[in-house]
Amino acid sequence: MSGPPWQNQTRRPSRAAPEDRQPQLRRIQWKLDQIRSTSRTPLLACLRMNRLLWESVAGERGLLACLQQPAAARRRPAETTGARIIPLAPRH
């Protein structure tokens, strides 16, 4: 048996992604597969996956935290430039 019908559908996106993103997508797929296999019901699996999604958006290192940081804080030290930041006057 090749597994549930949804399994082939969930594998395709990671193969179509750029090669440098594939390891991360495979890790995410592994997490989702583990949630499915350890959840007693499909609804519980859905709720657990939803929580995982929200953690990736609103969690400590999630999308919102990343967007709220200044760009300079996200750069590695080797990428920083010696530019001086000039404060701008507020618009009226």
Protein backbone atom coordinates (compact mmCIF):
# COMPACT_ATOMS: atom_id res chain seq x y z
CA MET A 1 0.00 0.00 0.00
CA SER A 2 1.36 3.44 -0.89
CA GLY A 3 -0.29 5.28 2.01
CA PRO A 4 -3.20 7.69 2.27
CA PRO A 5 -4.21 9.59 -0.90
CA TRP A 6 -3.28 12.97 0.64
CA GLN A 7 0.30 11.86 1.22
CA ASN A 8 1.39 12.18 -2.43
CA GLN A 9 -0.19 15.64 -2.60
CA THR A 10 1.73 16.87 0.44
CA ARG A 11 5.09 15.70 -0.92
CA ARG A 12 4.90 17.54 -4.25
CA PRO A 13 5.38 21.17 -3.05
CA SER A 14 8.72 20.45 -1.36
CA ARG A 15 10.07 18.91 -4.58
CA ALA A 16 8.93 21.92 -6.63
CA ALA A 17 10.59 24.40 -4.24
CA PRO A 18 14.09 25.80 -4.80
CA GLU A 19 16.76 23.38 -3.67
CA ASP A 20 17.98 25.58 -0.79
CA ARG A 21 14.44 25.65 0.71
CA GLN A 22 13.76 21.92 0.42
CA PRO A 23 15.39 20.86 3.74
CA GLN A 24 13.25 23.33 5.68
CA LEU A 25 10.09 22.23 3.85
CA ARG A 26 10.92 18.57 4.56
CA ARG A 27 11.31 19.39 8.28
CA ILE A 28 7.93 21.11 8.28
CA GLN A 29 6.38 18.17 6.44
CA TRP A 30 7.89 15.80 9.01
CA LYS A 31 6.32 17.84 11.84
CA LEU A 32 2.92 17.72 10.11
CA ASP A 33 3.23 13.97 9.53
CA GLN A 34 4.06 13.47 13.23
CA ILE A 35 1.06 15.55 14.27
CA ARG A 36 -1.18 13.46 12.03
CA SER A 37 0.22 10.16 13.29
CA THR A 38 0.01 11.06 16.99
CA SER A 39 -3.41 12.73 16.97
CA ARG A 40 -6.38 10.60 17.96
CA THR A 41 -8.75 12.30 15.52
CA PRO A 42 -8.47 14.37 12.33
CA LEU A 43 -9.98 17.34 14.17
CA LEU A 44 -7.33 17.17 16.87
CA ALA A 45 -4.63 17.00 14.17
CA CYS A 46 -6.14 20.07 12.52
CA LEU A 47 -6.16 22.00 15.80
CA ARG A 48 -2.57 21.06 16.55
CA MET A 49 -1.45 22.09 13.05
CA ASN A 50 -3.31 25.36 13.47
CA ARG A 51 -1.40 26.01 16.71
CA LEU A 52 1.89 25.27 14.92
CA LEU A 53 0.95 27.76 12.21
CA TRP A 54 0.10 30.50 14.72
CA GLU A 55 3.35 29.89 16.61
CA SER A 56 5.25 30.43 13.36
CA VAL A 57 3.42 33.73 12.83
CA ALA A 58 3.06 35.15 16.33
CA GLY A 59 5.66 33.18 18.33
CA GLU A 60 8.91 34.48 19.79
CA ARG A 61 10.84 34.01 16.52
CA GLY A 62 7.80 34.20 14.27
CA LEU A 63 6.95 36.34 11.29
CA LEU A 64 5.56 39.24 13.34
CA ALA A 65 8.67 39.44 15.52
CA CYS A 66 10.83 39.44 12.42
CA LEU A 67 8.82 42.20 10.77
CA GLN A 68 8.89 44.34 13.90
CA GLN A 69 12.68 44.31 14.19
CA PRO A 70 14.67 46.96 12.37
CA ALA A 71 16.45 45.58 9.31
CA ALA A 72 19.86 46.24 10.90
CA ALA A 73 19.04 43.96 13.83
CA ARG A 74 18.28 41.07 11.46
CA ARG A 75 21.58 41.36 9.56
CA ARG A 76 24.62 39.39 10.51
CA PRO A 77 27.47 41.53 11.87
CA ALA A 78 29.57 40.88 8.75
CA GLU A 79 26.82 42.37 6.56
CA THR A 80 26.50 45.67 8.41
CA THR A 81 27.67 48.84 6.79
CA GLY A 82 29.34 51.88 8.28
CA ALA A 83 26.51 54.20 7.22
CA ARG A 84 25.27 56.83 9.63
CA ILE A 85 21.52 56.95 10.27
CA ILE A 86 20.05 60.41 9.96
CA PRO A 87 16.83 61.08 11.90
CA LEU A 88 14.05 62.52 9.76
CA ALA A 89 11.76 65.30 10.89
CA PRO A 90 8.15 64.22 11.40
CA ARG A 91 5.67 65.20 8.70
CA HIS A 92 3.01 67.77 9.55
